[in-house]
Full PDB file with SEQRES, HELIX, SHEET, SSBOND, CRYST1, ORIGX, SCALE, CONECT and MASTER records, all heavy atoms in Angstrom:
SEQRES   1 A   35  ASN ILE VAL SER ASP ARG ARG GLU ILE HIS ASP ILE LEU          
SEQRES   2 A   35  LYS SER ILE HIS SER ILE PHE ASP LYS ASN SER ASN ILE          
SEQRES   3 A   35  ASP GLU THR LEU GLN PHE ILE ALA THR                          
HELIX    1 AA1 ARG A    6  LYS A   22  1                                  17    
HELIX    2 AA2 ILE A   26  THR A   29  1                                   4    
CRYST1    1.000    1.000    1.000  90.00  90.00  90.00 P 1           1          
ORIGX1      1.000000  0.000000  0.000000        0.00000                         
ORIGX2      0.000000  1.000000  0.000000        0.00000                         
ORIGX3      0.000000  0.000000  1.000000        0.00000                         
SCALE1      1.000000  0.000000  0.000000        0.00000                         
SCALE2      0.000000  1.000000  0.000000        0.00000                         
SCALE3      0.000000  0.000000  1.000000        0.00000                         
ATOM      1  N   ASN A   1      81.767 111.229-247.431  1.00  0.00           N  
ATOM      2  CA  ASN A   1      81.456 112.630-247.139  1.00  0.00           C  
ATOM      3  C   ASN A   1      81.848 112.959-245.712  1.00  0.00           C  
ATOM      4  O   ASN A   1      81.545 112.218-244.784  1.00  0.00           O  
ATOM      5  CB  ASN A   1      79.950 112.869-247.292  1.00  0.00           C  
ATOM      6  CG  ASN A   1      79.430 112.491-248.655  1.00  0.00           C  
ATOM      7  OD1 ASN A   1      79.924 111.582-249.289  1.00  0.00           O  
ATOM      8  ND2 ASN A   1      78.431 113.196-249.104  1.00  0.00           N  
ATOM      9  N   ILE A   2      82.522 114.103-245.561  1.00  0.00           N  
ATOM     10  CA  ILE A   2      82.866 114.605-244.236  1.00  0.00           C  
ATOM     11  C   ILE A   2      82.568 116.112-244.190  1.00  0.00           C  
ATOM     12  O   ILE A   2      82.381 116.735-245.228  1.00  0.00           O  
ATOM     13  CB  ILE A   2      84.355 114.360-243.893  1.00  0.00           C  
ATOM     14  CG1 ILE A   2      85.292 115.075-244.891  1.00  0.00           C  
ATOM     15  CG2 ILE A   2      84.668 112.887-243.820  1.00  0.00           C  
ATOM     16  CD1 ILE A   2      86.755 115.037-244.490  1.00  0.00           C  
ATOM     17  N   VAL A   3      82.534 116.648-242.993  1.00  0.00           N  
ATOM     18  CA  VAL A   3      82.407 118.102-242.826  1.00  0.00           C  
ATOM     19  C   VAL A   3      83.761 118.588-242.303  1.00  0.00           C  
ATOM     20  O   VAL A   3      84.207 118.193-241.236  1.00  0.00           O  
ATOM     21  CB  VAL A   3      81.277 118.472-241.839  1.00  0.00           C  
ATOM     22  CG1 VAL A   3      81.275 119.976-241.572  1.00  0.00           C  
ATOM     23  CG2 VAL A   3      79.926 118.021-242.384  1.00  0.00           C  
ATOM     24  N   SER A   4      84.415 119.419-243.112  1.00  0.00           N  
ATOM     25  CA  SER A   4      85.695 119.992-242.710  1.00  0.00           C  
ATOM     26  C   SER A   4      85.446 121.094-241.686  1.00  0.00           C  
ATOM     27  O   SER A   4      84.398 121.748-241.701  1.00  0.00           O  
ATOM     28  CB  SER A   4      86.414 120.591-243.921  1.00  0.00           C  
ATOM     29  OG  SER A   4      86.739 119.576-244.846  1.00  0.00           O  
ATOM     30  N   ASP A   5      86.416 121.302-240.795  1.00  0.00           N  
ATOM     31  CA  ASP A   5      86.215 122.350-239.788  1.00  0.00           C  
ATOM     32  C   ASP A   5      86.426 123.726-240.411  1.00  0.00           C  
ATOM     33  O   ASP A   5      86.923 123.869-241.527  1.00  0.00           O  
ATOM     34  CB  ASP A   5      87.117 122.129-238.570  1.00  0.00           C  
ATOM     35  CG  ASP A   5      88.612 122.234-238.864  1.00  0.00           C  
ATOM     36  OD1 ASP A   5      89.016 122.947-239.796  1.00  0.00           O  
ATOM     37  OD2 ASP A   5      89.387 121.594-238.133  1.00  0.00           O  
ATOM     38  N   ARG A   6      85.986 124.735-239.679  1.00  0.00           N  
ATOM     39  CA  ARG A   6      86.022 126.118-240.181  1.00  0.00           C  
ATOM     40  C   ARG A   6      87.436 126.544-240.570  1.00  0.00           C  
ATOM     41  O   ARG A   6      87.624 127.241-241.562  1.00  0.00           O  
ATOM     42  CB  ARG A   6      85.489 127.080-239.110  1.00  0.00           C  
ATOM     43  CG  ARG A   6      83.991 127.071-238.999  1.00  0.00           C  
ATOM     44  CD  ARG A   6      83.553 128.039-237.879  1.00  0.00           C  
ATOM     45  NE  ARG A   6      82.129 128.202-237.859  1.00  0.00           N  
ATOM     46  CZ  ARG A   6      81.472 129.145-238.522  1.00  0.00           C  
ATOM     47  NH1 ARG A   6      82.125 130.008-239.263  1.00  0.00           N  
ATOM     48  NH2 ARG A   6      80.169 129.227-238.455  1.00  0.00           N  
ATOM     49  N   ARG A   7      88.415 126.155-239.806  1.00  0.00           N  
ATOM     50  CA  ARG A   7      89.820 126.531-240.092  1.00  0.00           C  
ATOM     51  C   ARG A   7      90.229 126.009-241.471  1.00  0.00           C  
ATOM     52  O   ARG A   7      90.819 126.731-242.263  1.00  0.00           O  
ATOM     53  CB  ARG A   7      90.752 126.001-239.001  1.00  0.00           C  
ATOM     54  CG  ARG A   7      92.224 126.160-239.271  1.00  0.00           C  
ATOM     55  CD  ARG A   7      92.752 127.567-239.166  1.00  0.00           C  
ATOM     56  NE  ARG A   7      92.525 128.090-237.834  1.00  0.00           N  
ATOM     57  CZ  ARG A   7      92.480 129.382-237.552  1.00  0.00           C  
ATOM     58  NH1 ARG A   7      92.664 130.266-238.505  1.00  0.00           N  
ATOM     59  NH2 ARG A   7      92.279 129.806-236.339  1.00  0.00           N  
ATOM     60  N   GLU A   8      89.928 124.757-241.752  1.00  0.00           N  
ATOM     61  CA  GLU A   8      90.294 124.168-243.052  1.00  0.00           C  
ATOM     62  C   GLU A   8      89.591 124.900-244.199  1.00  0.00           C  
ATOM     63  O   GLU A   8      90.213 125.218-245.219  1.00  0.00           O  
ATOM     64  CB  GLU A   8      89.948 122.683-243.096  1.00  0.00           C  
ATOM     65  CG  GLU A   8      90.324 122.034-244.397  1.00  0.00           C  
ATOM     66  CD  GLU A   8      90.046 120.525-244.435  1.00  0.00           C  
ATOM     67  OE1 GLU A   8      89.682 119.942-243.410  1.00  0.00           O  
ATOM     68  OE2 GLU A   8      90.194 119.979-245.536  1.00  0.00           O  
ATOM     69  N   ILE A   9      88.308 125.195-244.037  1.00  0.00           N  
ATOM     70  CA  ILE A   9      87.569 125.897-245.088  1.00  0.00           C  
ATOM     71  C   ILE A   9      88.119 127.308-245.267  1.00  0.00           C  
ATOM     72  O   ILE A   9      88.297 127.783-246.389  1.00  0.00           O  
ATOM     73  CB  ILE A   9      86.060 125.915-244.774  1.00  0.00           C  
ATOM     74  CG1 ILE A   9      85.524 124.478-244.722  1.00  0.00           C  
ATOM     75  CG2 ILE A   9      85.286 126.719-245.831  1.00  0.00           C  
ATOM     76  CD1 ILE A   9      85.887 123.612-245.905  1.00  0.00           C  
ATOM     77  N   HIS A  10      88.414 127.967-244.168  1.00  0.00           N  
ATOM     78  CA  HIS A  10      89.037 129.295-244.233  1.00  0.00           C  
ATOM     79  C   HIS A  10      90.350 129.217-245.041  1.00  0.00           C  
ATOM     80  O   HIS A  10      90.606 130.058-245.904  1.00  0.00           O  
ATOM     81  CB  HIS A  10      89.289 129.827-242.825  1.00  0.00           C  
ATOM     82  CG  HIS A  10      90.064 131.094-242.774  1.00  0.00           C  
ATOM     83  ND1 HIS A  10      89.514 132.325-243.087  1.00  0.00           N  
ATOM     84  CD2 HIS A  10      91.367 131.317-242.485  1.00  0.00           C  
ATOM     85  CE1 HIS A  10      90.441 133.247-242.987  1.00  0.00           C  
ATOM     86  NE2 HIS A  10      91.586 132.656-242.625  1.00  0.00           N  
ATOM     87  N   ASP A  11      91.157 128.204-244.761  1.00  0.00           N  
ATOM     88  CA  ASP A  11      92.434 128.042-245.465  1.00  0.00           C  
ATOM     89  C   ASP A  11      92.232 127.766-246.954  1.00  0.00           C  
ATOM     90  O   ASP A  11      92.984 128.271-247.794  1.00  0.00           O  
ATOM     91  CB  ASP A  11      93.274 126.930-244.818  1.00  0.00           C  
ATOM     92  CG  ASP A  11      93.784 127.306-243.430  1.00  0.00           C  
ATOM     93  OD1 ASP A  11      93.729 128.511-243.069  1.00  0.00           O  
ATOM     94  OD2 ASP A  11      94.225 126.394-242.706  1.00  0.00           O  
ATOM     95  N   ILE A  12      91.211 126.962-247.288  1.00  0.00           N  
ATOM     96  CA  ILE A  12      90.936 126.661-248.694  1.00  0.00           C  
ATOM     97  C   ILE A  12      90.484 127.927-249.428  1.00  0.00           C  
ATOM     98  O   ILE A  12      90.932 128.200-250.545  1.00  0.00           O  
ATOM     99  CB  ILE A  12      89.858 125.544-248.796  1.00  0.00           C  
ATOM    100  CG1 ILE A  12      90.483 124.199-248.411  1.00  0.00           C  
ATOM    101  CG2 ILE A  12      89.239 125.465-250.187  1.00  0.00           C  
ATOM    102  CD1 ILE A  12      91.671 123.773-249.247  1.00  0.00           C  
ATOM    103  N   LEU A  13      89.609 128.697-248.794  1.00  0.00           N  
ATOM    104  CA  LEU A  13      89.157 129.945-249.418  1.00  0.00           C  
ATOM    105  C   LEU A  13      90.323 130.914-249.616  1.00  0.00           C  
ATOM    106  O   LEU A  13      90.423 131.573-250.658  1.00  0.00           O  
ATOM    107  CB  LEU A  13      88.047 130.580-248.578  1.00  0.00           C  
ATOM    108  CG  LEU A  13      86.740 129.762-248.510  1.00  0.00           C  
ATOM    109  CD1 LEU A  13      85.781 130.385-247.509  1.00  0.00           C  
ATOM    110  CD2 LEU A  13      86.104 129.618-249.884  1.00  0.00           C  
ATOM    111  N   LYS A  14      91.219 130.943-248.651  1.00  0.00           N  
ATOM    112  CA  LYS A  14      92.415 131.775-248.745  1.00  0.00           C  
ATOM    113  C   LYS A  14      93.314 131.282-249.901  1.00  0.00           C  
ATOM    114  O   LYS A  14      93.867 132.076-250.650  1.00  0.00           O  
ATOM    115  CB  LYS A  14      93.160 131.719-247.420  1.00  0.00           C  
ATOM    116  CG  LYS A  14      94.134 132.814-247.189  1.00  0.00           C  
ATOM    117  CD  LYS A  14      94.581 132.773-245.744  1.00  0.00           C  
ATOM    118  CE  LYS A  14      95.989 133.261-245.591  1.00  0.00           C  
ATOM    119  NZ  LYS A  14      96.501 133.165-244.239  1.00  0.00           N  
ATOM    120  N   SER A  15      93.407 129.972-250.057  1.00  0.00           N  
ATOM    121  CA  SER A  15      94.210 129.392-251.154  1.00  0.00           C  
ATOM    122  C   SER A  15      93.650 129.765-252.516  1.00  0.00           C  
ATOM    123  O   SER A  15      94.401 130.032-253.448  1.00  0.00           O  
ATOM    124  CB  SER A  15      94.256 127.855-251.042  1.00  0.00           C  
ATOM    125  OG  SER A  15      95.019 127.460-249.955  1.00  0.00           O  
ATOM    126  N   ILE A  16      92.324 129.782-252.645  1.00  0.00           N  
ATOM    127  CA  ILE A  16      91.703 130.165-253.914  1.00  0.00           C  
ATOM    128  C   ILE A  16      92.160 131.572-254.291  1.00  0.00           C  
ATOM    129  O   ILE A  16      92.597 131.821-255.417  1.00  0.00           O  
ATOM    130  CB  ILE A  16      90.165 130.103-253.821  1.00  0.00           C  
ATOM    131  CG1 ILE A  16      89.678 128.650-253.704  1.00  0.00           C  
ATOM    132  CG2 ILE A  16      89.529 130.762-255.054  1.00  0.00           C  
ATOM    133  CD1 ILE A  16      88.206 128.522-253.393  1.00  0.00           C  
ATOM    134  N   HIS A  17      92.079 132.476-253.336  1.00  0.00           N  
ATOM    135  CA  HIS A  17      92.505 133.860-253.602  1.00  0.00           C  
ATOM    136  C   HIS A  17      93.985 133.916-253.955  1.00  0.00           C  
ATOM    137  O   HIS A  17      94.378 134.632-254.880  1.00  0.00           O  
ATOM    138  CB  HIS A  17      92.180 134.755-252.407  1.00  0.00           C  
ATOM    139  CG  HIS A  17      90.737 135.104-252.322  1.00  0.00           C  
ATOM    140  ND1 HIS A  17      90.200 136.225-252.894  1.00  0.00           N  
ATOM    141  CD2 HIS A  17      89.689 134.449-251.749  1.00  0.00           C  
ATOM    142  CE1 HIS A  17      88.906 136.258-252.674  1.00  0.00           C  
ATOM    143  NE2 HIS A  17      88.576 135.199-251.986  1.00  0.00           N  
ATOM    144  N   SER A  18      94.781 133.179-253.227  1.00  0.00           N  
ATOM    145  CA  SER A  18      96.226 133.190-253.459  1.00  0.00           C  
ATOM    146  C   SER A  18      96.553 132.662-254.870  1.00  0.00           C  
ATOM    147  O   SER A  18      97.384 133.249-255.577  1.00  0.00           O  
ATOM    148  CB  SER A  18      96.909 132.323-252.402  1.00  0.00           C  
ATOM    149  OG  SER A  18      98.278 132.219-252.675  1.00  0.00           O  
ATOM    150  N   ILE A  19      95.896 131.597-255.281  1.00  0.00           N  
ATOM    151  CA  ILE A  19      96.144 131.011-256.607  1.00  0.00           C  
ATOM    152  C   ILE A  19      95.805 132.016-257.703  1.00  0.00           C  
ATOM    153  O   ILE A  19      96.611 132.238-258.619  1.00  0.00           O  
ATOM    154  CB  ILE A  19      95.338 129.700-256.788  1.00  0.00           C  
ATOM    155  CG1 ILE A  19      95.931 128.614-255.880  1.00  0.00           C  
ATOM    156  CG2 ILE A  19      95.318 129.251-258.250  1.00  0.00           C  
ATOM    157  CD1 ILE A  19      95.036 127.396-255.710  1.00  0.00           C  
ATOM    158  N   PHE A  20      94.641 132.628-257.620  1.00  0.00           N  
ATOM    159  CA  PHE A  20      94.234 133.567-258.679  1.00  0.00           C  
ATOM    160  C   PHE A  20      94.968 134.906-258.575  1.00  0.00           C  
ATOM    161  O   PHE A  20      95.159 135.578-259.590  1.00  0.00           O  
ATOM    162  CB  PHE A  20      92.715 133.759-258.677  1.00  0.00           C  
ATOM    163  CG  PHE A  20      91.968 132.520-259.104  1.00  0.00           C  
ATOM    164  CD1 PHE A  20      90.964 132.008-258.303  1.00  0.00           C  
ATOM    165  CD2 PHE A  20      92.275 131.856-260.280  1.00  0.00           C  
ATOM    166  CE1 PHE A  20      90.268 130.857-258.688  1.00  0.00           C  
ATOM    167  CE2 PHE A  20      91.594 130.705-260.668  1.00  0.00           C  
ATOM    168  CZ  PHE A  20      90.589 130.212-259.874  1.00  0.00           C  
ATOM    169  N   ASP A  21      95.391 135.299-257.385  1.00  0.00           N  
ATOM    170  CA  ASP A  21      96.149 136.554-257.226  1.00  0.00           C  
ATOM    171  C   ASP A  21      97.557 136.429-257.816  1.00  0.00           C  
ATOM    172  O   ASP A  21      98.086 137.387-258.372  1.00  0.00           O  
ATOM    173  CB  ASP A  21      96.250 136.954-255.759  1.00  0.00           C  
ATOM    174  CG  ASP A  21      94.956 137.507-255.205  1.00  0.00           C  
ATOM    175  OD1 ASP A  21      94.039 137.801-255.996  1.00  0.00           O  
ATOM    176  OD2 ASP A  21      94.847 137.628-253.964  1.00  0.00           O  
ATOM    177  N   LYS A  22      98.161 135.255-257.666  1.00  0.00           N  
ATOM    178  CA  LYS A  22      99.537 135.064-258.122  1.00  0.00           C  
ATOM    179  C   LYS A  22      99.644 134.935-259.629  1.00  0.00           C  
ATOM    180  O   LYS A  22     100.685 135.195-260.210  1.00  0.00           O  
ATOM    181  CB  LYS A  22     100.141 133.818-257.470  1.00  0.00           C  
ATOM    182  CG  LYS A  22     100.499 134.012-256.019  1.00  0.00           C  
ATOM    183  CD  LYS A  22     101.135 132.781-255.439  1.00  0.00           C  
ATOM    184  CE  LYS A  22     101.448 133.018-253.976  1.00  0.00           C  
ATOM    185  NZ  LYS A  22     101.931 131.823-253.317  1.00  0.00           N  
ATOM    186  N   ASN A  23      98.578 134.477-260.271  1.00  0.00           N  
ATOM    187  CA  ASN A  23      98.634 134.241-261.706  1.00  0.00           C  
ATOM    188  C   ASN A  23      97.281 134.555-262.311  1.00  0.00           C  
ATOM    189  O   ASN A  23      96.301 133.873-262.046  1.00  0.00           O  
ATOM    190  CB  ASN A  23      99.024 132.780-261.973  1.00  0.00           C  
ATOM    191  CG  ASN A  23      99.275 132.508-263.437  1.00  0.00           C  
ATOM    192  OD1 ASN A  23      98.911 133.285-264.305  1.00  0.00           O  
ATOM    193  ND2 ASN A  23      99.917 131.379-263.707  1.00  0.00           N  
ATOM    194  N   SER A  24      97.245 135.587-263.146  1.00  0.00           N  
ATOM    195  CA  SER A  24      95.977 135.998-263.745  1.00  0.00           C  
ATOM    196  C   SER A  24      95.635 135.215-265.004  1.00  0.00           C  
ATOM    197  O   SER A  24      94.575 135.410-265.599  1.00  0.00           O  
ATOM    198  CB  SER A  24      95.995 137.495-264.052  1.00  0.00           C  
ATOM    199  OG  SER A  24      97.039 137.768-264.953  1.00  0.00           O  
ATOM    200  N   ASN A  25      96.518 134.303-265.439  1.00  0.00           N  
ATOM    201  CA  ASN A  25      96.267 133.494-266.614  1.00  0.00           C  
ATOM    202  C   ASN A  25      95.335 132.341-266.234  1.00  0.00           C  
ATOM    203  O   ASN A  25      95.764 131.364-265.615  1.00  0.00           O  
ATOM    204  CB  ASN A  25      97.572 132.970-267.195  1.00  0.00           C  
ATOM    205  CG  ASN A  25      97.370 132.208-268.492  1.00  0.00           C  
ATOM    206  OD1 ASN A  25      96.273 131.776-268.826  1.00  0.00           O  
ATOM    207  ND2 ASN A  25      98.466 132.035-269.224  1.00  0.00           N  
ATOM    208  N   ILE A  26      94.062 132.448-266.622  1.00  0.00           N  
ATOM    209  CA  ILE A  26      93.066 131.452-266.234  1.00  0.00           C  
ATOM    210  C   ILE A  26      93.442 130.053-266.726  1.00  0.00           C  
ATOM    211  O   ILE A  26      93.201 129.055-266.016  1.00  0.00           O  
ATOM    212  CB  ILE A  26      91.657 131.860-266.736  1.00  0.00           C  
ATOM    213  CG1 ILE A  26      91.176 133.096-265.969  1.00  0.00           C  
ATOM    214  CG2 ILE A  26      90.658 130.719-266.584  1.00  0.00           C  
ATOM    215  CD1 ILE A  26      89.862 133.660-266.443  1.00  0.00           C  
ATOM    216  N   ASP A  27      94.069 129.960-267.894  1.00  0.00           N  
ATOM    217  CA  ASP A  27      94.463 128.640-268.413  1.00  0.00           C  
ATOM    218  C   ASP A  27      95.472 127.931-267.497  1.00  0.00           C  
ATOM    219  O   ASP A  27      95.548 126.707-267.504  1.00  0.00           O  
ATOM    220  CB  ASP A  27      95.070 128.783-269.816  1.00  0.00           C  
ATOM    221  CG  ASP A  27      94.035 129.167-270.857  1.00  0.00           C  
ATOM    222  OD1 ASP A  27      92.830 128.898-270.632  1.00  0.00           O  
ATOM    223  OD2 ASP A  27      94.423 129.749-271.895  1.00  0.00           O  
ATOM    224  N   GLU A  28      96.209 128.694-266.708  1.00  0.00           N  
ATOM    225  CA  GLU A  28      97.208 128.091-265.815  1.00  0.00           C  
ATOM    226  C   GLU A  28      96.682 127.930-264.389  1.00  0.00           C  
ATOM    227  O   GLU A  28      97.337 127.273-263.581  1.00  0.00           O  
ATOM    228  CB  GLU A  28      98.463 128.979-265.786  1.00  0.00           C  
ATOM    229  CG  GLU A  28      99.173 129.011-267.112  1.00  0.00           C  
ATOM    230  CD  GLU A  28     100.385 129.933-267.108  1.00  0.00           C  
ATOM    231  OE1 GLU A  28     100.734 130.472-266.037  1.00  0.00           O  
ATOM    232  OE2 GLU A  28     100.965 130.129-268.185  1.00  0.00           O  
ATOM    233  N   THR A  29      95.529 128.523-264.066  1.00  0.00           N  
ATOM    234  CA  THR A  29      95.033 128.476-262.700  1.00  0.00           C  
ATOM    235  C   THR A  29      93.697 127.749-262.539  1.00  0.00           C  
ATOM    236  O   THR A  29      93.342 127.362-261.426  1.00  0.00           O  
ATOM    237  CB  THR A  29      94.867 129.892-262.129  1.00  0.00           C  
ATOM    238  OG1 THR A  29      94.028 130.652-263.002  1.00  0.00           O  
ATOM    239  CG2 THR A  29      96.219 130.573-261.954  1.00  0.00           C  
ATOM    240  N   LEU A  30      92.963 127.541-263.642  1.00  0.00           N  
ATOM    241  CA  LEU A  30      91.657 126.897-263.561  1.00  0.00           C  
ATOM    242  C   LEU A  30      91.523 125.836-264.646  1.00  0.00           C  
ATOM    243  O   LEU A  30      91.764 126.105-265.819  1.00  0.00           O  
ATOM    244  CB  LEU A  30      90.527 127.918-263.752  1.00  0.00           C  
ATOM    245  CG  LEU A  30      89.105 127.335-263.778  1.00  0.00           C  
ATOM    246  CD1 LEU A  30      88.695 126.823-262.391  1.00  0.00           C  
ATOM    247  CD2 LEU A  30      88.114 128.380-264.279  1.00  0.00           C  
ATOM    248  N   GLN A  31      91.196 124.625-264.224  1.00  0.00           N  
ATOM    249  CA  GLN A  31      90.826 123.588-265.159  1.00  0.00           C  
ATOM    250  C   GLN A  31      89.351 123.295-264.932  1.00  0.00           C  
ATOM    251  O   GLN A  31      88.952 122.855-263.846  1.00  0.00           O  
ATOM    252  CB  GLN A  31      91.655 122.315-264.946  1.00  0.00           C  
ATOM    253  CG  GLN A  31      91.314 121.216-265.952  1.00  0.00           C  
ATOM    254  CD  GLN A  31      92.121 119.952-265.733  1.00  0.00           C  
ATOM    255  OE1 GLN A  31      93.052 119.921-264.937  1.00  0.00           O  
ATOM    256  NE2 GLN A  31      91.762 118.908-266.433  1.00  0.00           N  
ATOM    257  N   PHE A  32      88.528 123.580-265.929  1.00  0.00           N  
ATOM    258  CA  PHE A  32      87.091 123.381-265.840  1.00  0.00           C  
ATOM    259  C   PHE A  32      86.752 122.083-266.543  1.00  0.00           C  
ATOM    260  O   PHE A  32      87.046 121.909-267.721  1.00  0.00           O  
ATOM    261  CB  PHE A  32      86.358 124.564-266.491  1.00  0.00           C  
ATOM    262  CG  PHE A  32      84.865 124.436-266.488  1.00  0.00           C  
ATOM    263  CD1 PHE A  32      84.145 124.554-265.306  1.00  0.00           C  
ATOM    264  CD2 PHE A  32      84.180 124.174-267.662  1.00  0.00           C  
ATOM    265  CE1 PHE A  32      82.764 124.430-265.302  1.00  0.00           C  
ATOM    266  CE2 PHE A  32      82.801 124.055-267.675  1.00  0.00           C  
ATOM    267  CZ  PHE A  32      82.095 124.182-266.496  1.00  0.00           C  
ATOM    268  N   ILE A  33      86.154 121.144-265.804  1.00  0.00           N  
ATOM    269  CA  ILE A  33      85.750 119.872-266.394  1.00  0.00           C  
ATOM    270  C   ILE A  33      84.423 120.077-267.104  1.00  0.00           C  
ATOM    271  O   ILE A  33      83.395 120.329-266.473  1.00  0.00           O  
ATOM    272  CB  ILE A  33      85.633 118.761-265.319  1.00  0.00           C  
ATOM    273  CG1 ILE A  33      86.920 118.655-264.486  1.00  0.00           C  
ATOM    274  CG2 ILE A  33      85.247 117.428-265.963  1.00  0.00           C  
ATOM    275  CD1 ILE A  33      88.159 118.285-265.256  1.00  0.00           C  
ATOM    276  N   ALA A  34      84.447 120.022-268.429  1.00  0.00           N  
ATOM    277  CA  ALA A  34      83.289 120.397-269.246  1.00  0.00           C  
ATOM    278  C   ALA A  34      82.335 119.222-269.466  1.00  0.00           C  
ATOM    279  O   ALA A  34      82.158 118.762-270.595  1.00  0.00           O  
ATOM    280  CB  ALA A  34      83.772 120.971-270.560  1.00  0.00           C  
ATOM    281  N   THR A  35      81.707 118.760-268.389  1.00  0.00           N  
ATOM    282  CA  THR A  35      80.663 117.729-268.531  1.00  0.00           C  
ATOM    283  C   THR A  35      79.439 118.381-269.166  1.00  0.00           C  
ATOM    284  O   THR A  35      79.320 119.606-269.217  1.00  0.00           O  
ATOM    285  CB  THR A  35      80.273 117.130-267.176  1.00  0.00           C  
ATOM    286  OG1 THR A  35      79.688 118.180-266.379  1.00  0.00           O  
ATOM    287  CG2 THR A  35      81.470 116.524-266.443  1.00  0.00           C  
TER     288      THR A  35                                                      
MASTER        0    0    0    2    0    0    0    6  287    1    0    3          
END                                                                             
């Protein structure tokens, strides 16, 4: 376990938006592990 710095978390949150903005097909952008 580590704590990522604010810049890295900001970049990850930005990546989430970018991934879903570029492709609205959930099957191609989200894999949900159904435990």
